[in-house]
PDB file of all heavy atoms in Angstrom:
ATOM      1  N   LYS A   1       0.844  -1.180   0.000  1.00  0.00           N
ATOM      2  CA  LYS A   1       0.000   0.000   0.000  1.00  0.00           C
ATOM      3  C   LYS A   1       0.889   1.243   0.000  1.00  0.00           C
ATOM      4  O   LYS A   1       2.090   1.150   0.243  1.00  0.00           O
ATOM      5  CB  LYS A   1      -0.886  -0.007   1.248  1.00  0.00           C
ATOM      6  CG  LYS A   1      -1.771  -1.226   1.365  1.00  0.00           C
ATOM      7  CD  LYS A   1      -2.443  -1.269   2.714  1.00  0.00           C
ATOM      8  CE  LYS A   1      -3.118  -2.615   2.904  1.00  0.00           C
ATOM      9  NZ  LYS A   1      -3.562  -2.818   4.275  1.00  0.00           N
ATOM     10  N   GLU A   2       0.283   2.396  -0.228  1.00  0.00           N
ATOM     11  CA  GLU A   2       1.056   3.631  -0.161  1.00  0.00           C
ATOM     12  C   GLU A   2       1.550   3.835   1.264  1.00  0.00           C
ATOM     13  O   GLU A   2       0.770   3.805   2.220  1.00  0.00           O
ATOM     14  CB  GLU A   2       0.206   4.832  -0.586  1.00  0.00           C
ATOM     15  CG  GLU A   2       0.977   6.123  -0.529  1.00  0.00           C
ATOM     16  CD  GLU A   2       0.125   7.347  -0.845  1.00  0.00           C
ATOM     17  OE1 GLU A   2      -1.049   7.183  -1.217  1.00  0.00           O
ATOM     18  OE2 GLU A   2       0.653   8.461  -0.702  1.00  0.00           O
ATOM     19  N   ILE A   3       2.844   4.028   1.413  1.00  0.00           N
ATOM     20  CA  ILE A   3       3.451   4.211   2.728  1.00  0.00           C
ATOM     21  C   ILE A   3       3.474   5.703   3.045  1.00  0.00           C
ATOM     22  O   ILE A   3       3.958   6.511   2.250  1.00  0.00           O
ATOM     23  CB  ILE A   3       4.868   3.614   2.771  1.00  0.00           C
ATOM     24  CG1 ILE A   3       4.791   2.104   2.491  1.00  0.00           C
ATOM     25  CG2 ILE A   3       5.545   3.896   4.101  1.00  0.00           C
ATOM     26  CD1 ILE A   3       6.131   1.433   2.303  1.00  0.00           C
ATOM     27  N   ILE A   4       2.950   6.055   4.198  1.00  0.00           N
ATOM     28  CA  ILE A   4       2.779   7.454   4.565  1.00  0.00           C
ATOM     29  C   ILE A   4       3.925   7.909   5.476  1.00  0.00           C
ATOM     30  O   ILE A   4       4.121   7.353   6.564  1.00  0.00           O
ATOM     31  CB  ILE A   4       1.423   7.665   5.267  1.00  0.00           C
ATOM     32  CG1 ILE A   4       0.292   7.241   4.321  1.00  0.00           C
ATOM     33  CG2 ILE A   4       1.253   9.107   5.710  1.00  0.00           C
ATOM     34  CD1 ILE A   4      -1.063   7.152   4.975  1.00  0.00           C
ATOM     35  N   THR A   5       4.678   8.909   4.983  1.00  0.00           N
ATOM     36  CA  THR A   5       5.747   9.459   5.817  1.00  0.00           C
ATOM     37  C   THR A   5       5.127  10.117   7.052  1.00  0.00           C
ATOM     38  O   THR A   5       3.994  10.595   7.023  1.00  0.00           O
ATOM     39  CB  THR A   5       6.614  10.476   5.047  1.00  0.00           C
ATOM     40  OG1 THR A   5       5.778  11.520   4.578  1.00  0.00           O
ATOM     41  CG2 THR A   5       7.335   9.819   3.881  1.00  0.00           C
ATOM     42  N   GLY A   6       5.886  10.113   8.119  1.00  0.00           N
ATOM     43  CA  GLY A   6       5.407  10.661   9.386  1.00  0.00           C
ATOM     44  C   GLY A   6       4.776   9.612  10.291  1.00  0.00           C
ATOM     45  O   GLY A   6       4.617   9.849  11.483  1.00  0.00           O
ATOM     46  N   THR A   7       4.438   8.459   9.713  1.00  0.00           N
ATOM     47  CA  THR A   7       3.902   7.368  10.530  1.00  0.00           C
ATOM     48  C   THR A   7       5.010   6.887  11.467  1.00  0.00           C
ATOM     49  O   THR A   7       6.161   6.759  11.057  1.00  0.00           O
ATOM     50  CB  THR A   7       3.417   6.200   9.648  1.00  0.00           C
ATOM     51  OG1 THR A   7       2.425   6.689   8.736  1.00  0.00           O
ATOM     52  CG2 THR A   7       2.834   5.075  10.484  1.00  0.00           C
ATOM     53  N   PHE A   8       4.654   6.638  12.720  1.00  0.00           N
ATOM     54  CA  PHE A   8       5.670   6.210  13.683  1.00  0.00           C
ATOM     55  C   PHE A   8       5.132   5.115  14.591  1.00  0.00           C
ATOM     56  O   PHE A   8       3.923   4.894  14.665  1.00  0.00           O
ATOM     57  CB  PHE A   8       6.169   7.401  14.513  1.00  0.00           C
ATOM     58  CG  PHE A   8       5.155   7.920  15.494  1.00  0.00           C
ATOM     59  CD1 PHE A   8       5.104   7.429  16.795  1.00  0.00           C
ATOM     60  CD2 PHE A   8       4.247   8.891  15.115  1.00  0.00           C
ATOM     61  CE1 PHE A   8       4.165   7.904  17.697  1.00  0.00           C
ATOM     62  CE2 PHE A   8       3.301   9.374  16.003  1.00  0.00           C
ATOM     63  CZ  PHE A   8       3.259   8.876  17.305  1.00  0.00           C
ATOM     64  N   ALA A   9       6.050   4.466  15.265  1.00  0.00           N
ATOM     65  CA  ALA A   9       5.701   3.456  16.257  1.00  0.00           C
ATOM     66  C   ALA A   9       6.745   3.486  17.355  1.00  0.00           C
ATOM     67  O   ALA A   9       7.889   3.907  17.136  1.00  0.00           O
ATOM     68  CB  ALA A   9       5.637   2.066  15.624  1.00  0.00           C
ATOM     69  N   THR A  10       6.344   3.035  18.534  1.00  0.00           N
ATOM     70  CA  THR A  10       7.269   2.928  19.655  1.00  0.00           C
ATOM     71  C   THR A  10       7.197   1.525  20.250  1.00  0.00           C
ATOM     72  O   THR A  10       6.159   0.860  20.168  1.00  0.00           O
ATOM     73  CB  THR A  10       6.956   3.951  20.768  1.00  0.00           C
ATOM     74  OG1 THR A  10       5.637   3.713  21.259  1.00  0.00           O
ATOM     75  CG2 THR A  10       7.080   5.371  20.267  1.00  0.00           C
ATOM     76  N   VAL A  11       8.305   1.097  20.817  1.00  0.00           N
ATOM     77  CA  VAL A  11       8.379  -0.161  21.564  1.00  0.00           C
ATOM     78  C   VAL A  11       9.291   0.079  22.765  1.00  0.00           C
ATOM     79  O   VAL A  11      10.183   0.934  22.711  1.00  0.00           O
ATOM     80  CB  VAL A  11       8.892  -1.350  20.724  1.00  0.00           C
ATOM     81  CG1 VAL A  11       7.902  -1.718  19.622  1.00  0.00           C
ATOM     82  CG2 VAL A  11      10.248  -1.041  20.107  1.00  0.00           C
ATOM     83  N   SER A  12       9.054  -0.662  23.820  1.00  0.00           N
ATOM     84  CA  SER A  12       9.840  -0.471  25.042  1.00  0.00           C
ATOM     85  C   SER A  12      10.353  -1.790  25.581  1.00  0.00           C
ATOM     86  O   SER A  12       9.784  -2.859  25.304  1.00  0.00           O
ATOM     87  CB  SER A  12       8.979   0.201  26.116  1.00  0.00           C
ATOM     88  OG  SER A  12       8.573   1.482  25.709  1.00  0.00           O
ATOM     89  N   THR A  13      11.410  -1.687  26.382  1.00  0.00           N
ATOM     90  CA  THR A  13      11.956  -2.839  27.085  1.00  0.00           C
ATOM     91  C   THR A  13      12.563  -2.350  28.383  1.00  0.00           C
ATOM     92  O   THR A  13      12.877  -1.163  28.522  1.00  0.00           O
ATOM     93  CB  THR A  13      13.006  -3.588  26.234  1.00  0.00           C
ATOM     94  OG1 THR A  13      13.269  -4.848  26.819  1.00  0.00           O
ATOM     95  CG2 THR A  13      14.295  -2.805  26.102  1.00  0.00           C
ATOM     96  N   LYS A  14      12.733  -3.257  29.309  1.00  0.00           N
ATOM     97  CA  LYS A  14      13.397  -2.941  30.571  1.00  0.00           C
ATOM     98  C   LYS A  14      14.810  -3.508  30.507  1.00  0.00           C
ATOM     99  O   LYS A  14      15.014  -4.622  30.041  1.00  0.00           O
ATOM    100  CB  LYS A  14      12.622  -3.548  31.743  1.00  0.00           C
ATOM    101  CG  LYS A  14      13.148  -3.115  33.090  1.00  0.00           C
ATOM    102  CD  LYS A  14      12.133  -3.404  34.173  1.00  0.00           C
ATOM    103  CE  LYS A  14      12.025  -2.151  34.974  1.00  0.00           C
ATOM    104  NZ  LYS A  14      10.882  -1.711  35.519  1.00  0.00           N
ATOM    105  N   VAL A  15      15.784  -2.756  30.965  1.00  0.00           N
ATOM    106  CA  VAL A  15      17.165  -3.229  30.998  1.00  0.00           C
ATOM    107  C   VAL A  15      17.283  -4.277  32.108  1.00  0.00           C
ATOM    108  O   VAL A  15      16.944  -4.004  33.262  1.00  0.00           O
ATOM    109  CB  VAL A  15      18.165  -2.078  31.239  1.00  0.00           C
ATOM    110  CG1 VAL A  15      19.599  -2.608  31.240  1.00  0.00           C
ATOM    111  CG2 VAL A  15      17.993  -0.980  30.198  1.00  0.00           C
ATOM    112  N   ASP A  16      17.728  -5.471  31.718  1.00  0.00           N
ATOM    113  CA  ASP A  16      17.968  -6.541  32.682  1.00  0.00           C
ATOM    114  C   ASP A  16      19.208  -7.314  32.247  1.00  0.00           C
ATOM    115  O   ASP A  16      19.868  -6.951  31.278  1.00  0.00           O
ATOM    116  CB  ASP A  16      16.737  -7.440  32.851  1.00  0.00           C
ATOM    117  CG  ASP A  16      16.337  -8.168  31.574  1.00  0.00           C
ATOM    118  OD1 ASP A  16      17.191  -8.386  30.678  1.00  0.00           O
ATOM    119  OD2 ASP A  16      15.157  -8.543  31.453  1.00  0.00           O
ATOM    120  N   GLU A  17      19.508  -8.380  32.939  1.00  0.00           N
ATOM    121  CA  GLU A  17      20.736  -9.134  32.671  1.00  0.00           C
ATOM    122  C   GLU A  17      20.789  -9.735  31.268  1.00  0.00           C
ATOM    123  O   GLU A  17      21.860 -10.076  30.788  1.00  0.00           O
ATOM    124  CB  GLU A  17      20.912 -10.256  33.707  1.00  0.00           C
ATOM    125  CG  GLU A  17      21.234  -9.770  35.109  1.00  0.00           C
ATOM    126  CD  GLU A  17      20.000  -9.310  35.892  1.00  0.00           C
ATOM    127  OE1 GLU A  17      18.851  -9.553  35.453  1.00  0.00           O
ATOM    128  OE2 GLU A  17      20.181  -8.689  36.951  1.00  0.00           O
ATOM    129  N   THR A  18      19.626  -9.841  30.593  1.00  0.00           N
ATOM    130  CA  THR A  18      19.604 -10.482  29.269  1.00  0.00           C
ATOM    131  C   THR A  18      19.952  -9.530  28.132  1.00  0.00           C
ATOM    132  O   THR A  18      20.211  -9.985  27.018  1.00  0.00           O
ATOM    133  CB  THR A  18      18.227 -11.110  28.974  1.00  0.00           C
ATOM    134  OG1 THR A  18      17.249 -10.068  28.867  1.00  0.00           O
ATOM    135  CG2 THR A  18      17.826 -12.108  30.052  1.00  0.00           C
ATOM    136  N   ASN A  19      19.929  -8.214  28.367  1.00  0.00           N
ATOM    137  CA  ASN A  19      20.171  -7.275  27.270  1.00  0.00           C
ATOM    138  C   ASN A  19      21.289  -6.267  27.576  1.00  0.00           C
ATOM    139  O   ASN A  19      21.293  -5.152  27.080  1.00  0.00           O
ATOM    140  CB  ASN A  19      18.884  -6.566  26.845  1.00  0.00           C
ATOM    141  CG  ASN A  19      18.199  -5.824  27.974  1.00  0.00           C
ATOM    142  OD1 ASN A  19      18.791  -5.525  29.008  1.00  0.00           O
ATOM    143  ND2 ASN A  19      16.924  -5.515  27.777  1.00  0.00           N
ATOM    144  N   THR A  20      22.227  -6.702  28.379  1.00  0.00           N
ATOM    145  CA  THR A  20      23.368  -5.858  28.709  1.00  0.00           C
ATOM    146  C   THR A  20      24.519  -6.074  27.733  1.00  0.00           C
ATOM    147  O   THR A  20      24.537  -7.051  26.976  1.00  0.00           O
ATOM    148  CB  THR A  20      23.883  -6.163  30.132  1.00  0.00           C
ATOM    149  OG1 THR A  20      24.356  -7.509  30.155  1.00  0.00           O
ATOM    150  CG2 THR A  20      22.811  -5.948  31.178  1.00  0.00           C
ATOM    151  N   ALA A  21      25.487  -5.166  27.802  1.00  0.00           N
ATOM    152  CA  ALA A  21      26.702  -5.318  26.987  1.00  0.00           C
ATOM    153  C   ALA A  21      27.414  -6.619  27.354  1.00  0.00           C
ATOM    154  O   ALA A  21      27.932  -7.315  26.475  1.00  0.00           O
ATOM    155  CB  ALA A  21      27.625  -4.119  27.201  1.00  0.00           C
ATOM    156  N   LYS A  22      27.405  -6.951  28.621  1.00  0.00           N
ATOM    157  CA  LYS A  22      28.025  -8.196  29.067  1.00  0.00           C
ATOM    158  C   LYS A  22      27.332  -9.406  28.443  1.00  0.00           C
ATOM    159  O   LYS A  22      27.986 -10.314  27.950  1.00  0.00           O
ATOM    160  CB  LYS A  22      27.987  -8.271  30.589  1.00  0.00           C
ATOM    161  CG  LYS A  22      28.809  -9.379  31.177  1.00  0.00           C
ATOM    162  CD  LYS A  22      28.837  -9.254  32.701  1.00  0.00           C
ATOM    163  CE  LYS A  22      29.721 -10.327  33.291  1.00  0.00           C
ATOM    164  NZ  LYS A  22      29.792 -10.199  34.760  1.00  0.00           N
ATOM    165  N   ALA A  23      26.004  -9.401  28.435  1.00  0.00           N
ATOM    166  CA  ALA A  23      25.240 -10.517  27.855  1.00  0.00           C
ATOM    167  C   ALA A  23      25.448 -10.624  26.349  1.00  0.00           C
ATOM    168  O   ALA A  23      25.510 -11.721  25.794  1.00  0.00           O
ATOM    169  CB  ALA A  23      23.753 -10.367  28.163  1.00  0.00           C
ATOM    170  N   ALA A  24      25.564  -9.481  25.677  1.00  0.00           N
ATOM    171  CA  ALA A  24      25.740  -9.464  24.222  1.00  0.00           C
ATOM    172  C   ALA A  24      27.181  -9.735  23.812  1.00  0.00           C
ATOM    173  O   ALA A  24      27.458  -9.903  22.624  1.00  0.00           O
ATOM    174  CB  ALA A  24      25.310  -8.113  23.658  1.00  0.00           C
ATOM    175  N   LYS A  25      28.075  -9.745  24.797  1.00  0.00           N
ATOM    176  CA  LYS A  25      29.506  -9.897  24.536  1.00  0.00           C
ATOM    177  C   LYS A  25      30.032  -8.733  23.682  1.00  0.00           C
ATOM    178  O   LYS A  25      30.986  -8.875  22.931  1.00  0.00           O
ATOM    179  CB  LYS A  25      29.813 -11.248  23.908  1.00  0.00           C
ATOM    180  CG  LYS A  25      29.471 -12.399  24.829  1.00  0.00           C
ATOM    181  CD  LYS A  25      29.842 -13.719  24.230  1.00  0.00           C
ATOM    182  CE  LYS A  25      29.722 -14.821  25.171  1.00  0.00           C
ATOM    183  NZ  LYS A  25      28.838 -15.593  25.594  1.00  0.00           N
ATOM    184  N   SER A  26      29.357  -7.578  23.845  1.00  0.00           N
ATOM    185  CA  SER A  26      29.808  -6.376  23.150  1.00  0.00           C
ATOM    186  C   SER A  26      30.493  -5.424  24.123  1.00  0.00           C
ATOM    187  O   SER A  26      30.749  -4.267  23.797  1.00  0.00           O
ATOM    188  CB  SER A  26      28.625  -5.683  22.468  1.00  0.00           C
ATOM    189  OG  SER A  26      27.709  -5.191  23.438  1.00  0.00           O
ATOM    190  N   GLY A  27      30.763  -5.916  25.314  1.00  0.00           N
ATOM    191  CA  GLY A  27      31.420  -5.145  26.359  1.00  0.00           C
ATOM    192  C   GLY A  27      31.401  -5.960  27.635  1.00  0.00           C
ATOM    193  O   GLY A  27      30.917  -7.092  27.659  1.00  0.00           O
ATOM    194  N   SER A  28      31.888  -5.379  28.704  1.00  0.00           N
ATOM    195  CA  SER A  28      32.002  -6.128  29.957  1.00  0.00           C
ATOM    196  C   SER A  28      31.122  -5.576  31.074  1.00  0.00           C
ATOM    197  O   SER A  28      31.180  -6.069  32.195  1.00  0.00           O
ATOM    198  CB  SER A  28      33.465  -6.139  30.417  1.00  0.00           C
ATOM    199  OG  SER A  28      33.903  -4.806  30.628  1.00  0.00           O
ATOM    200  N   LEU A  29      30.300  -4.572  30.760  1.00  0.00           N
ATOM    201  CA  LEU A  29      29.508  -3.920  31.802  1.00  0.00           C
ATOM    202  C   LEU A  29      28.038  -4.310  31.738  1.00  0.00           C
ATOM    203  O   LEU A  29      27.511  -4.644  30.673  1.00  0.00           O
ATOM    204  CB  LEU A  29      29.648  -2.399  31.672  1.00  0.00           C
ATOM    205  CG  LEU A  29      31.075  -1.860  31.773  1.00  0.00           C
ATOM    206  CD1 LEU A  29      31.087  -0.359  31.534  1.00  0.00           C
ATOM    207  CD2 LEU A  29      31.696  -2.207  33.119  1.00  0.00           C
ATOM    208  N   ASN A  30      27.373  -4.202  32.878  1.00  0.00           N
ATOM    209  CA  ASN A  30      25.939  -4.476  32.955  1.00  0.00           C
ATOM    210  C   ASN A  30      25.144  -3.188  32.703  1.00  0.00           C
ATOM    211  O   ASN A  30      24.464  -2.663  33.583  1.00  0.00           O
ATOM    212  CB  ASN A  30      25.576  -5.086  34.315  1.00  0.00           C
ATOM    213  CG  ASN A  30      25.899  -6.559  34.357  1.00  0.00           C
ATOM    214  OD1 ASN A  30      25.718  -7.272  33.376  1.00  0.00           O
ATOM    215  ND2 ASN A  30      26.390  -7.021  35.484  1.00  0.00           N
ATOM    216  N   VAL A  31      25.266  -2.687  31.469  1.00  0.00           N
ATOM    217  CA  VAL A  31      24.500  -1.544  30.975  1.00  0.00           C
ATOM    218  C   VAL A  31      23.824  -1.984  29.672  1.00  0.00           C
ATOM    219  O   VAL A  31      24.219  -2.969  29.062  1.00  0.00           O
ATOM    220  CB  VAL A  31      25.394  -0.308  30.722  1.00  0.00           C
ATOM    221  CG1 VAL A  31      25.977   0.218  32.034  1.00  0.00           C
ATOM    222  CG2 VAL A  31      26.494  -0.618  29.728  1.00  0.00           C
ATOM    223  N   PHE A  32      22.788  -1.244  29.268  1.00  0.00           N
ATOM    224  CA  PHE A  32      22.051  -1.593  28.048  1.00  0.00           C
ATOM    225  C   PHE A  32      23.013  -1.635  26.864  1.00  0.00           C
ATOM    226  O   PHE A  32      23.742  -0.681  26.603  1.00  0.00           O
ATOM    227  CB  PHE A  32      20.944  -0.566  27.817  1.00  0.00           C
ATOM    228  CG  PHE A  32      19.920  -0.960  26.797  1.00  0.00           C
ATOM    229  CD1 PHE A  32      19.311  -2.202  26.810  1.00  0.00           C
ATOM    230  CD2 PHE A  32      19.528  -0.062  25.821  1.00  0.00           C
ATOM    231  CE1 PHE A  32      18.345  -2.550  25.875  1.00  0.00           C
ATOM    232  CE2 PHE A  32      18.559  -0.387  24.882  1.00  0.00           C
ATOM    233  CZ  PHE A  32      17.970  -1.640  24.913  1.00  0.00           C
ATOM    234  N   ALA A  33      23.014  -2.736  26.146  1.00  0.00           N
ATOM    235  CA  ALA A  33      23.962  -2.961  25.052  1.00  0.00           C
ATOM    236  C   ALA A  33      23.513  -2.273  23.768  1.00  0.00           C
ATOM    237  O   ALA A  33      22.322  -2.264  23.436  1.00  0.00           O
ATOM    238  CB  ALA A  33      24.114  -4.459  24.800  1.00  0.00           C
ATOM    239  N   THR A  34      24.479  -1.754  23.049  1.00  0.00           N
ATOM    240  CA  THR A  34      24.203  -1.135  21.749  1.00  0.00           C
ATOM    241  C   THR A  34      23.487  -2.098  20.798  1.00  0.00           C
ATOM    242  O   THR A  34      22.509  -1.692  20.154  1.00  0.00           O
ATOM    243  CB  THR A  34      25.506  -0.601  21.122  1.00  0.00           C
ATOM    244  OG1 THR A  34      26.098   0.338  22.026  1.00  0.00           O
ATOM    245  CG2 THR A  34      25.251   0.055  19.781  1.00  0.00           C
ATOM    246  N   PRO A  35      23.902  -3.374  20.682  1.00  0.00           N
ATOM    247  CA  PRO A  35      23.167  -4.275  19.780  1.00  0.00           C
ATOM    248  C   PRO A  35      21.687  -4.423  20.151  1.00  0.00           C
ATOM    249  O   PRO A  35      20.826  -4.513  19.270  1.00  0.00           O
ATOM    250  CB  PRO A  35      23.898  -5.609  19.918  1.00  0.00           C
ATOM    251  CG  PRO A  35      25.263  -5.261  20.397  1.00  0.00           C
ATOM    252  CD  PRO A  35      25.089  -4.037  21.252  1.00  0.00           C
ATOM    253  N   PHE A  36      21.388  -4.406  21.443  1.00  0.00           N
ATOM    254  CA  PHE A  36      19.991  -4.518  21.866  1.00  0.00           C
ATOM    255  C   PHE A  36      19.229  -3.222  21.641  1.00  0.00           C
ATOM    256  O   PHE A  36      18.029  -3.248  21.353  1.00  0.00           O
ATOM    257  CB  PHE A  36      19.896  -4.977  23.316  1.00  0.00           C
ATOM    258  CG  PHE A  36      20.270  -6.431  23.490  1.00  0.00           C
ATOM    259  CD1 PHE A  36      21.425  -6.791  24.142  1.00  0.00           C
ATOM    260  CD2 PHE A  36      19.468  -7.438  22.976  1.00  0.00           C
ATOM    261  CE1 PHE A  36      21.780  -8.125  24.292  1.00  0.00           C
ATOM    262  CE2 PHE A  36      19.801  -8.773  23.114  1.00  0.00           C
ATOM    263  CZ  PHE A  36      20.961  -9.124  23.778  1.00  0.00           C
ATOM    264  N   MET A  37      19.917  -2.078  21.745  1.00  0.00           N
ATOM    265  CA  MET A  37      19.265  -0.810  21.431  1.00  0.00           C
ATOM    266  C   MET A  37      18.891  -0.774  19.946  1.00  0.00           C
ATOM    267  O   MET A  37      17.778  -0.383  19.581  1.00  0.00           O
ATOM    268  CB  MET A  37      20.182   0.369  21.766  1.00  0.00           C
ATOM    269  CG  MET A  37      19.534   1.729  21.485  1.00  0.00           C
ATOM    270  SD  MET A  37      20.659   3.138  21.604  1.00  0.00           S
ATOM    271  CE  MET A  37      21.658   2.911  20.122  1.00  0.00           C
ATOM    272  N   ILE A  38      19.816  -1.213  19.098  1.00  0.00           N
ATOM    273  CA  ILE A  38      19.545  -1.239  17.657  1.00  0.00           C
ATOM    274  C   ILE A  38      18.414  -2.210  17.346  1.00  0.00           C
ATOM    275  O   ILE A  38      17.527  -1.903  16.543  1.00  0.00           O
ATOM    276  CB  ILE A  38      20.824  -1.578  16.869  1.00  0.00           C
ATOM    277  CG1 ILE A  38      21.834  -0.422  17.003  1.00  0.00           C
ATOM    278  CG2 ILE A  38      20.515  -1.862  15.405  1.00  0.00           C
ATOM    279  CD1 ILE A  38      23.227  -0.739  16.501  1.00  0.00           C
ATOM    280  N   ALA A  39      18.407  -3.369  17.997  1.00  0.00           N
ATOM    281  CA  ALA A  39      17.326  -4.336  17.778  1.00  0.00           C
ATOM    282  C   ALA A  39      15.978  -3.743  18.178  1.00  0.00           C
ATOM    283  O   ALA A  39      14.969  -3.948  17.496  1.00  0.00           O
ATOM    284  CB  ALA A  39      17.601  -5.621  18.551  1.00  0.00           C
TER     285      ALA A  39
END
């Protein structure tokens, strides 16, 4: 269908041990990982 610019959506998550830099192996800290932010 015709795609309308300006259309938006939001999604949320809570930072926990499963989506940290340590869990993603993209770092060693228990902070929200860049790969999970991009996902």
